[in-house]
Amino acid sequence: MPIPRLALLLALLLAPGPRPPTASVPRGPPGDAVPTGARPCAQHTGRCRRFCFAHEIQRGHFGCPRRYRCCVPKL
């Protein structure tokens, strides 16, 4: 026996909507590795970040956590 259309419409209307994003995790500026401050890397000349800024170059993953890059300022 198929479910009546009215029951389906009622279920869709009463279903909860999407949850709002949580603000419990502090976020740093875009491109910063760690919200509390970037970790030093590459013999203390670079910073671990998710993405390097335009004035920086990527020097690998020396001492950085997973998915982070060592960004060194261009000379």
PDB file of N, CA and C in Angstrom:
ATOM      1  N   MET A   1       0.837  -1.168   0.000  1.00  0.00           N
ATOM      2  CA  MET A   1       0.000   0.000   0.000  1.00  0.00           C
ATOM      3  C   MET A   1       0.894   1.248   0.000  1.00  0.00           C
ATOM      4  N   PRO A   2       0.765   2.128  -0.977  1.00  0.00           N
ATOM      5  CA  PRO A   2       1.624   3.312  -1.054  1.00  0.00           C
ATOM      6  C   PRO A   2       1.284   4.325   0.043  1.00  0.00           C
ATOM      7  N   ILE A   3       2.276   5.109   0.409  1.00  0.00           N
ATOM      8  CA  ILE A   3       2.093   6.148   1.426  1.00  0.00           C
ATOM      9  C   ILE A   3       1.339   7.316   0.787  1.00  0.00           C
ATOM     10  N   PRO A   4       0.329   7.834   1.449  1.00  0.00           N
ATOM     11  CA  PRO A   4      -0.425   8.952   0.874  1.00  0.00           C
ATOM     12  C   PRO A   4       0.458  10.186   0.675  1.00  0.00           C
ATOM     13  N   ARG A   5       0.153  10.943  -0.340  1.00  0.00           N
ATOM     14  CA  ARG A   5       0.932  12.143  -0.659  1.00  0.00           C
ATOM     15  C   ARG A   5       0.842  13.176   0.457  1.00  0.00           C
ATOM     16  N   LEU A   6      -0.300  13.262   1.097  1.00  0.00           N
ATOM     17  CA  LEU A   6      -0.462  14.227   2.172  1.00  0.00           C
ATOM     18  C   LEU A   6       0.492  13.930   3.333  1.00  0.00           C
ATOM     19  N   ALA A   7       0.693  12.649   3.639  1.00  0.00           N
ATOM     20  CA  ALA A   7       1.614  12.272   4.716  1.00  0.00           C
ATOM     21  C   ALA A   7       3.054  12.633   4.346  1.00  0.00           C
ATOM     22  N   LEU A   8       3.431  12.447   3.079  1.00  0.00           N
ATOM     23  CA  LEU A   8       4.775  12.809   2.643  1.00  0.00           C
ATOM     24  C   LEU A   8       4.990  14.319   2.713  1.00  0.00           C
ATOM     25  N   LEU A   9       4.017  15.091   2.272  1.00  0.00           N
ATOM     26  CA  LEU A   9       4.131  16.542   2.329  1.00  0.00           C
ATOM     27  C   LEU A   9       4.219  17.033   3.764  1.00  0.00           C
ATOM     28  N   LEU A  10       3.427  16.444   4.633  1.00  0.00           N
ATOM     29  CA  LEU A  10       3.450  16.828   6.037  1.00  0.00           C
ATOM     30  C   LEU A  10       4.802  16.500   6.674  1.00  0.00           C
ATOM     31  N   ALA A  11       5.362  15.349   6.320  1.00  0.00           N
ATOM     32  CA  ALA A  11       6.664  14.962   6.859  1.00  0.00           C
ATOM     33  C   ALA A  11       7.758  15.915   6.376  1.00  0.00           C
ATOM     34  N   LEU A  12       7.687  16.346   5.125  1.00  0.00           N
ATOM     35  CA  LEU A  12       8.681  17.277   4.597  1.00  0.00           C
ATOM     36  C   LEU A  12       8.560  18.655   5.237  1.00  0.00           C
ATOM     37  N   LEU A  13       7.338  19.085   5.494  1.00  0.00           N
ATOM     38  CA  LEU A  13       7.136  20.402   6.091  1.00  0.00           C
ATOM     39  C   LEU A  13       7.559  20.444   7.555  1.00  0.00           C
ATOM     40  N   LEU A  14       7.411  19.343   8.262  1.00  0.00           N
ATOM     41  CA  LEU A  14       7.741  19.303   9.680  1.00  0.00           C
ATOM     42  C   LEU A  14       9.186  18.885   9.954  1.00  0.00           C
ATOM     43  N   ALA A  15       9.914  18.498   8.917  1.00  0.00           N
ATOM     44  CA  ALA A  15      11.305  18.072   9.103  1.00  0.00           C
ATOM     45  C   ALA A  15      12.154  19.277   9.506  1.00  0.00           C
ATOM     46  N   PRO A  16      13.118  19.076  10.404  1.00  0.00           N
ATOM     47  CA  PRO A  16      13.973  20.205  10.800  1.00  0.00           C
ATOM     48  C   PRO A  16      14.858  20.648   9.641  1.00  0.00           C
ATOM     49  N   GLY A  17      15.140  21.931   9.598  1.00  0.00           N
ATOM     50  CA  GLY A  17      15.976  22.497   8.545  1.00  0.00           C
ATOM     51  C   GLY A  17      17.448  22.253   8.818  1.00  0.00           C
ATOM     52  N   PRO A  18      18.305  22.821   7.997  1.00  0.00           N
ATOM     53  CA  PRO A  18      19.743  22.641   8.214  1.00  0.00           C
ATOM     54  C   PRO A  18      20.194  23.326   9.496  1.00  0.00           C
ATOM     55  N   ARG A  19      21.178  22.723  10.147  1.00  0.00           N
ATOM     56  CA  ARG A  19      21.685  23.283  11.394  1.00  0.00           C
ATOM     57  C   ARG A  19      22.608  24.463  11.101  1.00  0.00           C
ATOM     58  N   PRO A  20      22.579  25.481  11.945  1.00  0.00           N
ATOM     59  CA  PRO A  20      23.488  26.615  11.740  1.00  0.00           C
ATOM     60  C   PRO A  20      24.922  26.202  12.056  1.00  0.00           C
ATOM     61  N   PRO A  21      25.906  26.853  11.454  1.00  0.00           N
ATOM     62  CA  PRO A  21      27.299  26.491  11.738  1.00  0.00           C
ATOM     63  C   PRO A  21      27.659  26.801  13.184  1.00  0.00           C
ATOM     64  N   THR A  22      28.494  25.945  13.752  1.00  0.00           N
ATOM     65  CA  THR A  22      28.902  26.148  15.137  1.00  0.00           C
ATOM     66  C   THR A  22      30.058  27.137  15.183  1.00  0.00           C
ATOM     67  N   ALA A  23      30.064  27.972  16.185  1.00  0.00           N
ATOM     68  CA  ALA A  23      31.122  28.969  16.354  1.00  0.00           C
ATOM     69  C   ALA A  23      32.013  28.617  17.533  1.00  0.00           C
ATOM     70  N   SER A  24      32.079  27.339  17.894  1.00  0.00           N
ATOM     71  CA  SER A  24      32.854  26.944  19.062  1.00  0.00           C
ATOM     72  C   SER A  24      34.345  26.870  18.761  1.00  0.00           C
ATOM     73  N   VAL A  25      34.731  26.700  17.490  1.00  0.00           N
ATOM     74  CA  VAL A  25      36.137  26.592  17.128  1.00  0.00           C
ATOM     75  C   VAL A  25      36.642  27.972  16.731  1.00  0.00           C
ATOM     76  N   PRO A  26      37.631  28.514  17.436  1.00  0.00           N
ATOM     77  CA  PRO A  26      38.155  29.823  17.029  1.00  0.00           C
ATOM     78  C   PRO A  26      38.904  29.712  15.715  1.00  0.00           C
ATOM     79  N   ARG A  27      38.706  30.644  14.849  1.00  0.00           N
ATOM     80  CA  ARG A  27      39.338  30.625  13.533  1.00  0.00           C
ATOM     81  C   ARG A  27      40.319  31.782  13.419  1.00  0.00           C
ATOM     82  N   GLY A  28      41.456  31.521  12.803  1.00  0.00           N
ATOM     83  CA  GLY A  28      42.446  32.554  12.569  1.00  0.00           C
ATOM     84  C   GLY A  28      42.201  33.216  11.223  1.00  0.00           C
ATOM     85  N   PRO A  29      43.092  34.068  10.792  1.00  0.00           N
ATOM     86  CA  PRO A  29      42.940  34.689   9.480  1.00  0.00           C
ATOM     87  C   PRO A  29      43.093  33.648   8.378  1.00  0.00           C
ATOM     88  N   PRO A  30      42.533  33.885   7.190  1.00  0.00           N
ATOM     89  CA  PRO A  30      42.645  32.905   6.105  1.00  0.00           C
ATOM     90  C   PRO A  30      44.109  32.640   5.759  1.00  0.00           C
ATOM     91  N   GLY A  31      44.449  31.374   5.615  1.00  0.00           N
ATOM     92  CA  GLY A  31      45.810  30.986   5.280  1.00  0.00           C
ATOM     93  C   GLY A  31      46.681  30.713   6.488  1.00  0.00           C
ATOM     94  N   ASP A  32      46.233  31.061   7.680  1.00  0.00           N
ATOM     95  CA  ASP A  32      47.024  30.810   8.868  1.00  0.00           C
ATOM     96  C   ASP A  32      46.868  29.350   9.264  1.00  0.00           C
ATOM     97  N   ALA A  33      47.952  28.745   9.743  1.00  0.00           N
ATOM     98  CA  ALA A  33      47.938  27.319  10.031  1.00  0.00           C
ATOM     99  C   ALA A  33      47.185  27.009  11.315  1.00  0.00           C
ATOM    100  N   VAL A  34      47.532  27.661  12.375  1.00  0.00           N
ATOM    101  CA  VAL A  34      46.979  27.371  13.688  1.00  0.00           C
ATOM    102  C   VAL A  34      46.286  28.634  14.184  1.00  0.00           C
ATOM    103  N   PRO A  35      45.052  28.545  14.704  1.00  0.00           N
ATOM    104  CA  PRO A  35      44.375  29.759  15.161  1.00  0.00           C
ATOM    105  C   PRO A  35      45.135  30.518  16.243  1.00  0.00           C
ATOM    106  N   THR A  36      45.919  29.836  17.058  1.00  0.00           N
ATOM    107  CA  THR A  36      46.649  30.514  18.129  1.00  0.00           C
ATOM    108  C   THR A  36      47.971  31.085  17.647  1.00  0.00           C
ATOM    109  N   GLY A  37      48.361  30.837  16.414  1.00  0.00           N
ATOM    110  CA  GLY A  37      49.640  31.320  15.889  1.00  0.00           C
ATOM    111  C   GLY A  37      50.313  30.229  15.083  1.00  0.00           C
ATOM    112  N   ALA A  38      51.000  30.583  14.028  1.00  0.00           N
ATOM    113  CA  ALA A  38      51.619  29.597  13.154  1.00  0.00           C
ATOM    114  C   ALA A  38      52.874  29.029  13.805  1.00  0.00           C
ATOM    115  N   ARG A  39      53.139  27.762  13.564  1.00  0.00           N
ATOM    116  CA  ARG A  39      54.315  27.103  14.119  1.00  0.00           C
ATOM    117  C   ARG A  39      55.536  27.418  13.265  1.00  0.00           C
ATOM    118  N   PRO A  40      56.707  27.563  13.878  1.00  0.00           N
ATOM    119  CA  PRO A  40      57.914  27.796  13.080  1.00  0.00           C
ATOM    120  C   PRO A  40      58.361  26.514  12.387  1.00  0.00           C
ATOM    121  N   CYS A  41      59.025  26.669  11.248  1.00  0.00           N
ATOM    122  CA  CYS A  41      59.531  25.518  10.491  1.00  0.00           C
ATOM    123  C   CYS A  41      60.747  25.970   9.683  1.00  0.00           C
ATOM    124  N   ALA A  42      61.390  25.063   9.001  1.00  0.00           N
ATOM    125  CA  ALA A  42      62.540  25.323   8.122  1.00  0.00           C
ATOM    126  C   ALA A  42      63.612  26.139   8.842  1.00  0.00           C
ATOM    127  N   GLN A  43      64.091  25.610   9.954  1.00  0.00           N
ATOM    128  CA  GLN A  43      65.130  26.251  10.762  1.00  0.00           C
ATOM    129  C   GLN A  43      64.703  27.649  11.206  1.00  0.00           C
ATOM    130  N   HIS A  44      63.432  27.784  11.611  1.00  0.00           N
ATOM    131  CA  HIS A  44      62.867  29.003  12.193  1.00  0.00           C
ATOM    132  C   HIS A  44      62.796  30.178  11.225  1.00  0.00           C
ATOM    133  N   THR A  45      62.854  29.941   9.908  1.00  0.00           N
ATOM    134  CA  THR A  45      62.698  31.046   8.956  1.00  0.00           C
ATOM    135  C   THR A  45      61.321  31.049   8.311  1.00  0.00           C
ATOM    136  N   GLY A  46      60.551  29.988   8.495  1.00  0.00           N
ATOM    137  CA  GLY A  46      59.230  29.905   7.871  1.00  0.00           C
ATOM    138  C   GLY A  46      58.145  29.651   8.891  1.00  0.00           C
ATOM    139  N   ARG A  47      56.916  29.561   8.396  1.00  0.00           N
ATOM    140  CA  ARG A  47      55.751  29.305   9.240  1.00  0.00           C
ATOM    141  C   ARG A  47      54.911  28.206   8.609  1.00  0.00           C
ATOM    142  N   CYS A  48      54.333  27.341   9.444  1.00  0.00           N
ATOM    143  CA  CYS A  48      53.438  26.288   8.965  1.00  0.00           C
ATOM    144  C   CYS A  48      52.069  26.900   8.701  1.00  0.00           C
ATOM    145  N   ARG A  49      51.596  26.795   7.480  1.00  0.00           N
ATOM    146  CA  ARG A  49      50.295  27.333   7.106  1.00  0.00           C
ATOM    147  C   ARG A  49      49.603  26.343   6.176  1.00  0.00           C
ATOM    148  N   ARG A  50      48.270  26.464   6.093  1.00  0.00           N
ATOM    149  CA  ARG A  50      47.527  25.635   5.140  1.00  0.00           C
ATOM    150  C   ARG A  50      47.828  26.089   3.716  1.00  0.00           C
ATOM    151  N   PHE A  51      47.882  27.403   3.498  1.00  0.00           N
ATOM    152  CA  PHE A  51      48.180  27.967   2.185  1.00  0.00           C
ATOM    153  C   PHE A  51      49.158  29.118   2.376  1.00  0.00           C
ATOM    154  N   CYS A  52      50.133  29.217   1.503  1.00  0.00           N
ATOM    155  CA  CYS A  52      51.120  30.289   1.600  1.00  0.00           C
ATOM    156  C   CYS A  52      50.529  31.583   1.053  1.00  0.00           C
ATOM    157  N   PHE A  53      50.946  32.700   1.646  1.00  0.00           N
ATOM    158  CA  PHE A  53      50.535  34.007   1.149  1.00  0.00           C
ATOM    159  C   PHE A  53      51.286  34.325  -0.145  1.00  0.00           C
ATOM    160  N   ALA A  54      50.887  35.402  -0.832  1.00  0.00           N
ATOM    161  CA  ALA A  54      51.483  35.755  -2.122  1.00  0.00           C
ATOM    162  C   ALA A  54      52.958  36.124  -1.978  1.00  0.00           C
ATOM    163  N   HIS A  55      53.362  36.676  -0.846  1.00  0.00           N
ATOM    164  CA  HIS A  55      54.754  37.088  -0.656  1.00  0.00           C
ATOM    165  C   HIS A  55      55.611  35.964  -0.067  1.00  0.00           C
ATOM    166  N   GLU A  56      55.094  34.724  -0.045  1.00  0.00           N
ATOM    167  CA  GLU A  56      55.821  33.584   0.504  1.00  0.00           C
ATOM    168  C   GLU A  56      55.959  32.491  -0.548  1.00  0.00           C
ATOM    169  N   ILE A  57      56.951  31.626  -0.354  1.00  0.00           N
ATOM    170  CA  ILE A  57      57.115  30.454  -1.211  1.00  0.00           C
ATOM    171  C   ILE A  57      57.060  29.215  -0.327  1.00  0.00           C
ATOM    172  N   GLN A  58      56.668  28.095  -0.932  1.00  0.00           N
ATOM    173  CA  GLN A  58      56.546  26.844  -0.190  1.00  0.00           C
ATOM    174  C   GLN A  58      57.889  26.135  -0.176  1.00  0.00           C
ATOM    175  N   ARG A  59      58.340  25.737   1.016  1.00  0.00           N
ATOM    176  CA  ARG A  59      59.618  25.046   1.172  1.00  0.00           C
ATOM    177  C   ARG A  59      59.445  23.602   1.595  1.00  0.00           C
ATOM    178  N   GLY A  60      58.289  23.033   1.423  1.00  0.00           N
ATOM    179  CA  GLY A  60      58.069  21.648   1.800  1.00  0.00           C
ATOM    180  C   GLY A  60      57.212  21.534   3.039  1.00  0.00           C
ATOM    181  N   HIS A  61      57.451  20.456   3.800  1.00  0.00           N
ATOM    182  CA  HIS A  61      56.641  20.176   4.986  1.00  0.00           C
ATOM    183  C   HIS A  61      57.534  19.959   6.203  1.00  0.00           C
ATOM    184  N   PHE A  62      58.628  20.695   6.304  1.00  0.00           N
ATOM    185  CA  PHE A  62      59.616  20.483   7.357  1.00  0.00           C
ATOM    186  C   PHE A  62      59.039  20.801   8.724  1.00  0.00           C
ATOM    187  N   GLY A  63      58.776  19.788   9.527  1.00  0.00           N
ATOM    188  CA  GLY A  63      58.303  19.996  10.883  1.00  0.00           C
ATOM    189  C   GLY A  63      56.873  20.477  11.005  1.00  0.00           C
ATOM    190  N   CYS A  64      56.114  20.425   9.936  1.00  0.00           N
ATOM    191  CA  CYS A  64      54.722  20.886   9.971  1.00  0.00           C
ATOM    192  C   CYS A  64      53.784  19.696  10.134  1.00  0.00           C
ATOM    193  N   PRO A  65      52.616  19.922  10.745  1.00  0.00           N
ATOM    194  CA  PRO A  65      51.639  18.840  10.837  1.00  0.00           C
ATOM    195  C   PRO A  65      51.093  18.459   9.467  1.00  0.00           C
ATOM    196  N   ARG A  66      50.338  17.392   9.440  1.00  0.00           N
ATOM    197  CA  ARG A  66      49.762  16.895   8.195  1.00  0.00           C
ATOM    198  C   ARG A  66      48.903  17.968   7.532  1.00  0.00           C
ATOM    199  N   ARG A  67      48.958  18.053   6.221  1.00  0.00           N
ATOM    200  CA  ARG A  67      48.206  18.993   5.375  1.00  0.00           C
ATOM    201  C   ARG A  67      48.639  20.448   5.550  1.00  0.00           C
ATOM    202  N   TYR A  68      49.782  20.694   6.155  1.00  0.00           N
ATOM    203  CA  TYR A  68      50.304  22.054   6.308  1.00  0.00           C
ATOM    204  C   TYR A  68      51.608  22.169   5.537  1.00  0.00           C
ATOM    205  N   ARG A  69      51.904  23.368   5.074  1.00  0.00           N
ATOM    206  CA  ARG A  69      53.110  23.622   4.302  1.00  0.00           C
ATOM    207  C   ARG A  69      54.019  24.564   5.081  1.00  0.00           C
ATOM    208  N   CYS A  70      55.293  24.489   4.785  1.00  0.00           N
ATOM    209  CA  CYS A  70      56.244  25.424   5.375  1.00  0.00           C
ATOM    210  C   CYS A  70      56.397  26.589   4.407  1.00  0.00           C
ATOM    211  N   CYS A  71      55.922  27.754   4.802  1.00  0.00           N
ATOM    212  CA  CYS A  71      55.941  28.939   3.946  1.00  0.00           C
ATOM    213  C   CYS A  71      57.039  29.882   4.417  1.00  0.00           C
ATOM    214  N   VAL A  72      57.933  30.241   3.485  1.00  0.00           N
ATOM    215  CA  VAL A  72      59.077  31.095   3.786  1.00  0.00           C
ATOM    216  C   VAL A  72      58.932  32.382   2.985  1.00  0.00           C
ATOM    217  N   PRO A  73      59.205  33.550   3.586  1.00  0.00           N
ATOM    218  CA  PRO A  73      59.118  34.806   2.825  1.00  0.00           C
ATOM    219  C   PRO A  73      60.106  34.826   1.662  1.00  0.00           C
ATOM    220  N   LYS A  74      59.674  35.415   0.539  1.00  0.00           N
ATOM    221  CA  LYS A  74      60.565  35.560  -0.613  1.00  0.00           C
ATOM    222  C   LYS A  74      61.629  36.603  -0.298  1.00  0.00           C
ATOM    223  N   LEU A  75      62.807  36.398  -0.835  1.00  0.00           N
ATOM    224  CA  LEU A  75      63.893  37.360  -0.595  1.00  0.00           C
ATOM    225  C   LEU A  75      64.005  38.354  -1.715  1.00  0.00           C
TER     226      LEU A  75
END
